[in-house]
Amino acid sequence: MPRLSIQPIHAPDRVGIPESAALEAYADFAARIQTETTGTDEFSYSAAELAALSQDAYLARRRYGVWDGDRLVAALATFWELDTANRTAYVSVLGVDPAYRRRGLAGELLDAAEAAIAEDGRSTVILISEHRVDDGAGERVRAPQGDASLPADAPAARFALGRGYRLGQLVLASSLPLAGRADEFRARGLAAERHDGYRLVTWQDRAPEEHVAAYAAARTLMNVEAPNGDLDVGEEHWDVERVRADEERTLGAGRRMLSVAAVAADGEIAGYTTLALAPGKQGVYQHDTIVLSAHRGRRLGMRMKLANLVLLADAAPERTAVYTWNADENDHMLAINRALGFRPHSFQATWQRG
C-alpha cells in the first residue's frame, strides 16, 4: 500500500479474518481518538460490533482511512438513510493521529466522504464533532438554540467553519453514577406512579408482538419530534420489519437492550426510552427517550426513565453508569436528568452544510 493513501474501510460480517483487518484497525483508532476528545473510550464500538451493525439494509455506511504503510493514521465514518426521501447524510469519527496533523488529511477524508454523499444524491451534510466541557472562557461559537457554546479556537470548530459548515446544535452528554442507587430508583419509581390511563410496559431485546407496530410508529416520530436545533435531519421510516431487523443486528453485535414504553388506553405508544448494554463496557447508553407531543405534561419521561433504571439494576447490577445525550435546548429532559443525578460529561457539536 503506498504511503499516505486514502482507502475505503469495508465491514465484513465477522472479524478475525484477513478481510476484517482494516475494520479492526479502524475500531482501535476510533477508540483512541474518542479518549483524546472526551476522556473515555466508553462510547467506542468494538470491531465485532461494527461488523454486525454494518449489515444494515436501511442505512448506507462508508468508512475511509488514511494509511501510512499498514498503519492507520486518520479515519472518518459517514452514513445516511437509503430511503431517497431523506436527503441528509452524517459524518463522524473524523480524527487524525497527532503525529500526522496539519497535513490536510482531515480535509482529504472529508472530500472523499462528501463526494460519496453527493454521488448518492444527498444534498445536506451534518458533521459531528466531540468536545470536553470547558470553562467557557475566550471567544465562543454558539448554536442557534440553547445556552451552551464551544471555544472558537477548538480545532474541530475551526475545521468545520473553514469547510463552510455552520453550528446547528449542541448536544450535552451526561453521566449518571449507579452505585448503590437501586433501592432509591425503586422507591422513586413507586412514588411517581399515576392512575392516568397510561401503563408502563418493559421488555428486553425484542419488543412484544402486541406492541411492536405501535413502537415502530413511535420510532418514526422520534426523529421529527425530538429537538433538532437548526438542523435538517429528514425523516426515518420505521415499520415492524425494520424494528425486527434492528433488534437482530443489535443482538448479533453482542448488545443487550432494555426498553420501557408508556402505552395509552388506545394502545398507542405515548413515549419510550431505551438503554443499550454494549459488551466489555462498564457503562450503559441511553439511546432514545421521547414523549410524543400529544402526551406531554404527564411526567411520563421521568416515570419511564425510573422504570428502566430499575430494570437495569435487576438485569445488569455490575454496570456503573448511564450515559445520555440531549439537545442543549431540551430544557425539560435536561431537568429530568438533573433530578436523577446526571452530570455533564462532554458535548457533541453538529455542523450542517447544505
Protein backbone atom coordinates (compact mmCIF):
# COMPACT_ATOMS: atom_id res chain seq x y z
CA MET A 1 0.00 0.00 0.00
CA PRO A 2 1.56 3.38 -0.97
CA ARG A 3 2.44 5.97 1.69
CA LEU A 4 -0.46 8.08 2.98
CA SER A 5 -3.06 6.52 0.75
CA ILE A 6 -6.78 7.05 1.30
CA GLN A 7 -8.68 3.79 1.17
CA PRO A 8 -12.28 2.76 1.93
CA ILE A 9 -12.61 0.56 5.02
CA HIS A 10 -15.01 -2.27 4.36
CA ALA A 11 -17.01 -4.10 7.04
CA PRO A 12 -17.27 -7.87 6.55
CA ASP A 13 -19.89 -9.74 8.52
CA ARG A 14 -17.36 -11.02 11.07
CA VAL A 15 -13.91 -10.23 12.46
CA GLY A 16 -10.75 -12.27 12.90
CA ILE A 17 -10.33 -12.86 9.17
CA PRO A 18 -7.91 -11.15 6.74
CA GLU A 19 -10.76 -9.08 5.28
CA SER A 20 -11.52 -7.55 8.70
CA ALA A 21 -8.02 -6.25 9.47
CA ALA A 22 -8.79 -2.71 8.28
CA LEU A 23 -12.03 -2.56 10.28
CA GLU A 24 -10.22 -3.79 13.39
CA ALA A 25 -7.58 -1.08 12.93
CA TYR A 26 -10.37 1.47 12.49
CA ALA A 27 -12.08 0.41 15.74
CA ASP A 28 -8.82 0.74 17.68
CA PHE A 29 -8.08 4.12 16.09
CA ALA A 30 -11.59 5.49 16.78
CA ALA A 31 -11.31 4.46 20.45
CA ARG A 32 -8.01 6.35 20.78
CA ILE A 33 -9.44 9.48 19.15
CA GLN A 34 -12.51 9.35 21.37
CA THR A 35 -10.39 9.02 24.50
CA GLU A 36 -8.45 12.10 23.43
CA THR A 37 -11.55 14.17 22.71
CA THR A 38 -13.86 13.09 25.56
CA GLY A 39 -11.56 11.49 28.14
CA THR A 40 -13.04 8.00 27.77
CA ASP A 41 -13.41 5.18 25.27
CA GLU A 42 -16.70 4.11 26.87
CA PHE A 43 -18.62 5.32 23.81
CA SER A 44 -16.50 3.46 21.24
CA TYR A 45 -17.53 0.36 19.31
CA SER A 46 -15.50 -2.83 19.02
CA ALA A 47 -14.71 -4.19 15.57
CA ALA A 48 -17.10 -7.09 16.18
CA GLU A 49 -19.92 -4.65 16.98
CA LEU A 50 -19.15 -2.57 13.88
CA ALA A 51 -19.14 -5.67 11.69
CA ALA A 52 -22.55 -6.78 12.95
CA LEU A 53 -24.19 -3.36 12.99
CA SER A 54 -22.94 -2.53 9.49
CA GLN A 55 -25.05 -5.29 7.94
CA ASP A 56 -27.92 -2.85 7.60
CA ALA A 57 -30.40 -2.84 4.74
CA TYR A 58 -31.71 0.61 5.71
CA LEU A 59 -28.52 2.67 6.05
CA ALA A 60 -25.60 3.31 3.73
CA ARG A 61 -22.36 3.28 5.72
CA ARG A 62 -18.95 4.32 4.42
CA ARG A 63 -15.64 4.49 6.25
CA TYR A 64 -12.39 5.89 4.92
CA GLY A 65 -8.88 5.72 6.29
CA VAL A 66 -5.51 7.26 5.57
CA TRP A 67 -2.74 4.68 5.77
CA ASP A 68 0.98 5.12 6.22
CA GLY A 69 2.04 1.69 5.04
CA ASP A 70 -0.02 -0.64 7.21
CA ARG A 71 -0.64 1.97 9.93
CA LEU A 72 -3.99 3.78 10.06
CA VAL A 73 -3.28 7.46 10.78
CA ALA A 74 -6.61 9.16 10.03
CA ALA A 75 -10.19 7.98 9.65
CA LEU A 76 -13.75 9.08 9.02
CA ALA A 77 -17.20 7.47 9.01
CA THR A 78 -20.34 8.57 7.19
CA PHE A 79 -23.87 7.19 6.96
CA TRP A 80 -27.27 8.07 5.55
CA GLU A 81 -30.73 6.64 5.12
CA LEU A 82 -31.11 4.58 1.94
CA ASP A 83 -34.63 5.95 1.62
CA THR A 84 -34.15 8.59 -1.06
CA ALA A 85 -36.81 10.81 0.54
CA ASN A 86 -34.25 11.60 3.25
CA ARG A 87 -31.59 13.92 1.77
CA THR A 88 -29.33 14.16 4.86
CA ALA A 89 -26.02 12.38 5.46
CA TYR A 90 -23.89 12.35 8.61
CA VAL A 91 -20.12 12.40 9.05
CA SER A 92 -18.50 11.34 12.33
CA VAL A 93 -15.31 9.90 13.86
CA LEU A 94 -13.20 12.36 11.86
CA GLY A 95 -9.81 12.09 13.51
CA VAL A 96 -6.10 12.32 12.71
CA ASP A 97 -3.19 10.79 14.60
CA PRO A 98 -1.36 13.58 16.48
CA ALA A 99 1.89 12.90 14.57
CA TYR A 100 0.12 13.44 11.23
CA ARG A 101 -1.86 16.60 11.91
CA ARG A 102 -1.62 19.84 9.92
CA ARG A 103 -1.04 17.95 6.67
CA GLY A 104 -4.55 18.39 5.29
CA LEU A 105 -5.56 14.77 5.91
CA ALA A 106 -8.88 15.65 7.56
CA GLY A 107 -9.80 17.75 4.55
CA GLU A 108 -8.90 14.95 2.14
CA LEU A 109 -11.02 12.49 4.07
CA LEU A 110 -13.96 14.87 4.13
CA ASP A 111 -13.54 15.42 0.39
CA ALA A 112 -13.88 11.65 -0.13
CA ALA A 113 -16.96 11.43 2.11
CA GLU A 114 -18.67 14.45 0.56
CA ALA A 115 -18.07 13.05 -2.92
CA ALA A 116 -19.71 9.73 -1.98
CA ILE A 117 -22.60 11.56 -0.34
CA ALA A 118 -23.19 13.76 -3.38
CA GLU A 119 -22.91 10.80 -5.74
CA ASP A 120 -25.73 9.11 -3.85
CA GLY A 121 -27.92 12.19 -4.19
CA ARG A 122 -27.77 13.57 -0.65
CA SER A 123 -27.75 17.36 -0.51
CA THR A 124 -27.37 18.06 3.23
CA VAL A 125 -24.33 17.02 5.26
CA ILE A 126 -24.17 17.07 9.06
CA LEU A 127 -20.70 16.87 10.58
CA ILE A 128 -20.42 15.63 14.17
CA SER A 129 -17.53 16.54 16.48
CA GLU A 130 -16.97 15.79 20.18
CA HIS A 131 -15.68 18.18 22.81
CA ARG A 132 -14.97 18.19 26.52
CA VAL A 133 -16.91 20.54 28.77
CA ASP A 134 -14.70 23.60 29.36
CA ASP A 135 -14.76 26.76 31.50
CA GLY A 136 -16.43 28.94 28.87
CA ALA A 137 -13.59 31.47 28.64
CA GLY A 138 -12.46 33.22 25.45
CA GLU A 139 -14.24 33.69 22.13
CA ARG A 140 -17.12 31.25 21.69
CA VAL A 141 -19.17 29.61 18.94
CA ARG A 142 -22.87 29.34 19.79
CA ALA A 143 -25.69 27.25 18.37
CA PRO A 144 -28.94 28.98 17.33
CA GLN A 145 -30.74 27.48 20.35
CA GLY A 146 -29.66 26.65 23.90
CA ASP A 147 -27.14 28.24 26.22
CA ALA A 148 -24.02 26.10 25.64
CA SER A 149 -21.09 27.13 23.48
CA LEU A 150 -17.72 25.91 22.20
CA PRO A 151 -14.31 27.60 22.13
CA ALA A 152 -13.91 29.31 18.77
CA ASP A 153 -10.30 28.10 18.64
CA ALA A 154 -11.19 24.42 19.10
CA PRO A 155 -9.59 22.54 16.17
CA ALA A 156 -12.87 20.88 15.20
CA ALA A 157 -14.69 24.22 15.24
CA ARG A 158 -12.05 25.88 13.08
CA PHE A 159 -12.13 22.96 10.66
CA ALA A 160 -15.93 22.82 10.35
CA LEU A 161 -16.31 26.57 9.89
CA GLY A 162 -13.44 26.63 7.40
CA ARG A 163 -15.22 24.00 5.32
CA GLY A 164 -18.39 26.06 5.14
CA TYR A 165 -20.37 24.32 7.88
CA ARG A 166 -22.40 26.21 10.47
CA LEU A 167 -23.12 25.13 14.03
CA GLY A 168 -26.68 23.83 14.08
CA GLN A 169 -26.96 22.27 17.54
CA LEU A 170 -25.03 21.33 20.66
CA VAL A 171 -25.86 18.05 22.38
CA LEU A 172 -24.89 17.56 26.01
CA ALA A 173 -23.58 14.15 27.00
CA SER A 174 -24.24 13.42 30.69
CA SER A 175 -23.37 10.56 33.01
CA LEU A 176 -25.33 9.06 35.89
CA PRO A 177 -23.37 7.08 38.54
CA LEU A 178 -25.32 3.95 39.51
CA ALA A 179 -23.51 2.51 42.52
CA GLY A 180 -25.79 1.88 45.48
CA ARG A 181 -28.85 3.58 43.98
CA ALA A 182 -31.09 0.63 43.01
CA ASP A 183 -33.34 0.94 46.06
CA GLU A 184 -33.63 4.69 45.53
CA PHE A 185 -34.74 4.19 41.92
CA ARG A 186 -37.36 1.65 43.00
CA ALA A 187 -38.76 3.96 45.68
CA ARG A 188 -38.84 6.94 43.34
CA GLY A 189 -40.48 4.84 40.64
CA LEU A 190 -43.25 3.78 43.01
CA ALA A 191 -43.75 7.37 44.16
CA ALA A 192 -44.01 8.55 40.53
CA GLU A 193 -46.81 6.12 39.61
CA ARG A 194 -50.04 7.71 38.37
CA HIS A 195 -53.51 6.38 37.61
CA ASP A 196 -53.99 8.42 34.47
CA GLY A 197 -54.70 5.83 31.79
CA TYR A 198 -51.08 5.14 30.88
CA ARG A 199 -49.32 1.91 31.75
CA LEU A 200 -45.62 1.15 31.52
CA VAL A 201 -44.52 -1.88 29.51
CA THR A 202 -40.95 -3.18 29.78
CA TRP A 203 -39.02 -5.58 27.57
CA GLN A 204 -35.52 -6.82 26.90
CA ASP A 205 -34.02 -7.08 23.42
CA ARG A 206 -37.23 -7.63 21.41
CA ALA A 207 -40.43 -5.60 21.52
CA PRO A 208 -43.53 -7.66 22.45
CA GLU A 209 -45.53 -8.70 19.41
CA GLU A 210 -48.61 -6.84 20.62
CA HIS A 211 -46.69 -3.54 20.83
CA VAL A 212 -44.15 -3.72 18.01
CA ALA A 213 -46.27 -1.91 15.41
CA ALA A 214 -47.01 0.98 17.80
CA TYR A 215 -43.34 1.04 18.77
CA ALA A 216 -42.32 1.34 15.11
CA ALA A 217 -44.73 4.25 14.70
CA ALA A 218 -43.22 5.98 17.74
CA ARG A 219 -39.70 5.49 16.38
CA THR A 220 -40.72 7.12 13.12
CA LEU A 221 -41.92 10.17 15.05
CA MET A 222 -38.80 10.25 17.24
CA ASN A 223 -36.64 11.82 14.56
CA VAL A 224 -39.01 14.71 13.83
CA GLU A 225 -40.45 15.37 17.31
CA ALA A 226 -37.16 15.42 19.21
CA PRO A 227 -35.43 18.84 19.34
CA ASN A 228 -33.18 19.18 16.28
CA GLY A 229 -31.94 22.74 16.65
CA ASP A 230 -31.29 24.37 13.29
CA LEU A 231 -30.68 21.04 11.54
CA ASP A 232 -32.40 19.41 8.59
CA VAL A 233 -32.36 15.82 9.80
CA GLY A 234 -35.02 14.45 7.48
CA GLU A 235 -37.39 11.63 8.38
CA GLU A 236 -36.72 7.99 9.23
CA HIS A 237 -39.40 5.48 8.38
CA TRP A 238 -39.74 2.58 10.81
CA ASP A 239 -42.06 -0.37 10.38
CA VAL A 240 -42.24 -3.77 12.07
CA GLU A 241 -39.78 -5.30 9.63
CA ARG A 242 -37.17 -2.61 10.29
CA VAL A 243 -37.60 -2.87 14.06
CA ARG A 244 -37.08 -6.63 13.95
CA ALA A 245 -34.04 -6.30 11.69
CA ASP A 246 -32.55 -3.71 14.04
CA GLU A 247 -33.12 -6.00 17.03
CA GLU A 248 -31.35 -8.89 15.30
CA ARG A 249 -28.34 -6.75 14.32
CA THR A 250 -28.09 -5.43 17.88
CA LEU A 251 -28.13 -8.93 19.33
CA GLY A 252 -25.62 -10.03 16.70
CA ALA A 253 -23.32 -7.27 17.94
CA GLY A 254 -23.49 -8.71 21.46
CA ARG A 255 -25.56 -5.80 22.76
CA ARG A 256 -28.49 -6.09 25.11
CA MET A 257 -31.37 -3.61 25.00
CA LEU A 258 -33.67 -2.64 27.87
CA SER A 259 -36.80 -0.72 26.91
CA VAL A 260 -39.75 0.90 28.62
CA ALA A 261 -42.79 2.28 26.80
CA ALA A 262 -45.73 4.29 28.09
CA VAL A 263 -48.84 2.81 26.47
CA ALA A 264 -52.02 4.88 26.25
CA ALA A 265 -55.50 3.44 26.74
CA ASP A 266 -55.98 3.05 22.98
CA GLY A 267 -52.76 1.03 22.63
CA GLU A 268 -50.73 3.88 21.15
CA ILE A 269 -47.19 4.19 22.48
CA ALA A 270 -47.07 7.65 24.01
CA GLY A 271 -43.34 7.52 24.65
CA TYR A 272 -40.44 5.17 25.12
CA THR A 273 -36.88 5.02 26.40
CA THR A 274 -34.10 2.54 25.66
CA LEU A 275 -30.83 1.52 27.28
CA ALA A 276 -28.08 -0.24 25.31
CA LEU A 277 -25.60 -2.52 27.08
CA ALA A 278 -22.50 -2.95 24.95
CA PRO A 279 -20.19 -5.91 25.60
CA GLY A 280 -17.00 -5.17 27.50
CA LYS A 281 -18.10 -1.76 28.79
CA GLN A 282 -18.83 -0.58 32.32
CA GLY A 283 -21.40 1.99 31.29
CA VAL A 284 -24.77 1.86 29.57
CA TYR A 285 -26.01 4.12 26.78
CA GLN A 286 -29.37 5.84 26.83
CA HIS A 287 -30.35 5.83 23.17
CA ASP A 288 -33.84 7.21 22.53
CA THR A 289 -36.06 8.88 25.08
CA ILE A 290 -39.16 10.60 23.74
CA VAL A 291 -42.64 11.51 24.88
CA LEU A 292 -44.74 12.24 21.82
CA SER A 293 -46.19 15.73 21.67
CA ALA A 294 -49.82 14.70 22.24
CA HIS A 295 -48.92 13.04 25.55
CA ARG A 296 -46.57 15.53 27.19
CA GLY A 297 -47.14 17.18 30.56
CA ARG A 298 -47.85 13.94 32.46
CA ARG A 299 -44.34 13.21 33.81
CA LEU A 300 -44.09 10.19 31.53
CA GLY A 301 -40.42 10.91 30.81
CA MET A 302 -39.42 10.62 34.46
CA ARG A 303 -41.64 7.59 35.01
CA MET A 304 -40.18 5.72 32.04
CA LYS A 305 -36.58 6.55 32.94
CA LEU A 306 -37.03 5.40 36.54
CA ALA A 307 -38.64 2.15 35.38
CA ASN A 308 -35.73 1.46 33.04
CA LEU A 309 -33.18 2.18 35.78
CA VAL A 310 -34.94 -0.40 37.94
CA LEU A 311 -34.91 -2.86 35.02
CA LEU A 312 -31.18 -2.17 34.58
CA ALA A 313 -30.45 -2.75 38.27
CA ASP A 314 -32.11 -6.17 38.01
CA ALA A 315 -30.62 -7.17 34.65
CA ALA A 316 -27.05 -5.85 34.98
CA PRO A 317 -26.20 -4.71 38.53
CA GLU A 318 -22.49 -4.67 37.61
CA ARG A 319 -22.88 -1.65 35.30
CA THR A 320 -21.52 1.52 36.84
CA ALA A 321 -23.04 4.45 34.89
CA VAL A 322 -25.61 5.52 32.33
CA TYR A 323 -24.63 7.95 29.58
CA THR A 324 -27.25 10.02 27.80
CA TRP A 325 -27.24 12.65 25.03
CA ASN A 326 -29.73 15.53 24.93
CA ALA A 327 -30.09 18.68 22.88
CA ASP A 328 -28.86 21.65 24.89
CA GLU A 329 -32.18 23.42 24.24
CA ASN A 330 -34.21 20.47 25.57
CA ASP A 331 -34.78 22.08 28.97
CA HIS A 332 -37.47 19.63 30.05
CA MET A 333 -35.43 16.46 29.50
CA LEU A 334 -32.30 18.05 30.94
CA ALA A 335 -34.27 18.95 34.07
CA ILE A 336 -35.34 15.32 34.40
CA ASN A 337 -31.72 14.23 34.05
CA ARG A 338 -30.52 16.68 36.68
CA ALA A 339 -33.23 15.48 39.07
CA LEU A 340 -31.98 11.92 38.57
CA GLY A 341 -28.38 12.94 39.23
CA PHE A 342 -26.87 13.10 35.74
CA ARG A 343 -23.69 15.18 35.49
CA PRO A 344 -22.34 16.98 32.39
CA HIS A 345 -19.66 14.92 30.67
CA SER A 346 -18.96 16.28 27.16
CA PHE A 347 -20.58 17.86 24.12
CA GLN A 348 -21.43 16.72 20.62
CA ALA A 349 -21.41 19.55 18.12
CA THR A 350 -23.47 19.13 14.95
CA TRP A 351 -22.47 21.27 11.99
CA GLN A 352 -24.57 21.49 8.84
CA ARG A 353 -23.81 22.35 5.26
CA GLY A 354 -26.39 22.39 2.50
